[in-house]
Amino acid sequence: MSQDMERMMSEQIYVTVDEYIALFDGEIREILINTRQAIRENAPDATERISYRMPCYWQGQPLIYFAAMKHHLGIYPTASGMEFFSGKLTDYKTSKGAIQFPYGKPIDYELITDVTRWRVAAVEGKADG
């Protein structure tokens, strides 16, 4: 993402996930569309909203967020998701609440799917771990 794009996003007002995704072009937009699809298919009861200026999936509490960053796709499955999946995240840069999927490598939508399913189970009280 260019500095112009970052500036535009910081000035842009968007209130829906569709509007957020529409800010991006090409490969980044395709990644966001695919990420959204993976989350929506695995969290069918979640509602979409914008929170912290990024797409959020809510089911009584935040399930998972995602955002396009300059060099990576950020996935934010809350601290519990990060803790549960820590063993599967060793190939990624992470923090307490975030996974970074670099744009130069294939995005692991299967991992995003697994994390989403686990988060849904966690908020429904059915998760292992």
Protein backbone atom coordinates (compact mmCIF):
# COMPACT_ATOMS: atom_id res chain seq x y z
CA MET A 1 0.00 0.00 0.00
CA SER A 2 1.42 3.37 -0.95
CA GLN A 3 1.73 6.34 1.36
CA ASP A 4 -1.01 8.01 -0.69
CA MET A 5 -3.29 5.05 0.05
CA GLU A 6 -2.45 5.16 3.75
CA ARG A 7 -3.19 8.90 3.85
CA MET A 8 -6.44 8.40 1.95
CA MET A 9 -7.54 5.63 4.34
CA SER A 10 -6.77 7.74 7.39
CA GLU A 11 -8.94 10.52 5.90
CA GLN A 12 -11.61 8.22 4.43
CA ILE A 13 -14.84 7.66 6.27
CA TYR A 14 -16.33 4.22 5.78
CA VAL A 15 -19.01 2.53 7.83
CA THR A 16 -19.41 -0.88 6.17
CA VAL A 17 -17.09 -3.71 5.25
CA ASP A 18 -18.05 -3.21 1.60
CA GLU A 19 -16.90 0.41 1.78
CA TYR A 20 -13.66 -0.65 3.48
CA ILE A 21 -12.85 -3.24 0.81
CA ALA A 22 -13.71 -0.76 -1.95
CA LEU A 23 -10.80 1.43 -0.81
CA PHE A 24 -8.35 -1.11 -2.23
CA ASP A 25 -7.46 -2.27 -5.73
CA GLY A 26 -6.11 -5.37 -7.38
CA GLU A 27 -4.47 -8.08 -5.33
CA ILE A 28 -5.14 -6.43 -1.96
CA ARG A 29 -8.87 -6.16 -2.70
CA GLU A 30 -8.93 -9.82 -3.77
CA ILE A 31 -7.19 -10.85 -0.52
CA LEU A 32 -9.73 -8.87 1.51
CA ILE A 33 -12.66 -10.40 -0.38
CA ASN A 34 -11.29 -13.91 0.17
CA THR A 35 -10.61 -13.22 3.85
CA ARG A 36 -14.12 -11.90 4.33
CA GLN A 37 -15.56 -14.97 2.62
CA ALA A 38 -13.53 -17.36 4.79
CA ILE A 39 -14.74 -15.61 7.94
CA ARG A 40 -18.39 -15.25 6.90
CA GLU A 41 -18.67 -18.90 5.84
CA ASN A 42 -17.37 -20.04 9.22
CA ALA A 43 -19.11 -17.49 11.41
CA PRO A 44 -22.59 -17.40 9.84
CA ASP A 45 -24.26 -15.93 12.93
CA ALA A 46 -21.75 -13.10 13.32
CA THR A 47 -22.61 -9.58 12.30
CA GLU A 48 -20.23 -7.41 10.33
CA ARG A 49 -19.23 -4.03 11.63
CA ILE A 50 -16.35 -1.61 11.52
CA SER A 51 -14.46 -1.35 14.78
CA TYR A 52 -11.06 0.21 15.35
CA ARG A 53 -11.28 1.29 11.66
CA MET A 54 -11.26 -2.32 10.41
CA PRO A 55 -13.77 -5.08 9.64
CA CYS A 56 -14.94 -6.87 12.75
CA TYR A 57 -17.14 -9.94 13.12
CA TRP A 58 -19.29 -9.78 16.23
CA GLN A 59 -21.20 -12.53 18.00
CA GLY A 60 -22.00 -11.12 21.41
CA GLN A 61 -18.33 -10.10 21.49
CA PRO A 62 -15.62 -9.61 18.89
CA LEU A 63 -14.75 -12.87 17.10
CA ILE A 64 -12.10 -11.71 14.68
CA TYR A 65 -10.93 -8.59 12.85
CA PHE A 66 -8.93 -8.15 9.67
CA ALA A 67 -7.17 -5.25 7.95
CA ALA A 68 -4.96 -4.46 5.00
CA MET A 69 -1.65 -3.07 6.14
CA LYS A 70 1.22 -1.75 4.07
CA HIS A 71 3.09 -5.07 3.76
CA HIS A 72 0.70 -7.64 5.18
CA LEU A 73 -2.84 -8.74 5.92
CA GLY A 74 -3.50 -8.43 9.62
CA ILE A 75 -5.77 -10.96 11.32
CA TYR A 76 -6.79 -10.17 14.89
CA PRO A 77 -8.46 -13.18 16.58
CA THR A 78 -8.23 -11.76 20.12
CA ALA A 79 -5.70 -12.94 22.68
CA SER A 80 -7.45 -16.28 23.26
CA GLY A 81 -7.24 -17.17 19.57
CA MET A 82 -3.58 -16.22 19.48
CA GLU A 83 -2.84 -18.35 22.52
CA PHE A 84 -4.72 -21.40 21.23
CA PHE A 85 -3.08 -21.29 17.78
CA SER A 86 0.41 -20.26 18.91
CA GLY A 87 1.91 -23.57 17.78
CA LYS A 88 0.61 -23.05 14.23
CA LEU A 89 1.83 -19.46 13.99
CA THR A 90 5.58 -19.96 14.14
CA ASP A 91 6.01 -19.07 10.45
CA TYR A 92 4.33 -15.67 10.95
CA LYS A 93 5.14 -12.46 12.70
CA THR A 94 2.71 -12.19 15.59
CA SER A 95 1.90 -10.11 18.62
CA LYS A 96 -0.40 -10.68 21.59
CA GLY A 97 -3.46 -10.22 19.38
CA ALA A 98 -2.33 -10.24 15.74
CA ILE A 99 -1.10 -12.47 12.95
CA GLN A 100 0.68 -10.91 9.97
CA PHE A 101 0.28 -12.64 6.60
CA PRO A 102 2.87 -11.03 4.28
CA TYR A 103 1.62 -10.10 0.83
CA GLY A 104 4.63 -11.72 -0.86
CA LYS A 105 3.50 -15.21 0.20
CA PRO A 106 0.24 -17.11 -0.34
CA ILE A 107 -2.37 -16.19 2.27
CA ASP A 108 -3.25 -19.20 4.43
CA TYR A 109 -7.05 -19.03 4.21
CA GLU A 110 -7.27 -22.49 5.78
CA LEU A 111 -5.62 -21.12 8.92
CA ILE A 112 -7.97 -18.12 8.89
CA THR A 113 -10.87 -20.58 8.59
CA ASP A 114 -9.59 -22.68 11.51
CA VAL A 115 -9.09 -19.63 13.70
CA THR A 116 -12.57 -18.32 12.86
CA ARG A 117 -14.21 -21.68 13.64
CA TRP A 118 -12.37 -21.89 16.94
CA ARG A 119 -13.35 -18.34 17.91
CA VAL A 120 -17.01 -19.11 17.16
CA ALA A 121 -16.79 -22.24 19.31
CA ALA A 122 -15.06 -20.24 22.04
CA VAL A 123 -17.79 -17.61 22.28
CA GLU A 124 -20.43 -20.34 22.19
CA GLY A 125 -18.65 -22.14 25.04
CA LYS A 126 -17.78 -25.17 22.90
CA ALA A 127 -14.06 -24.66 22.23
CA ASP A 128 -11.35 -27.04 23.35
CA GLY A 129 -8.51 -25.36 25.17
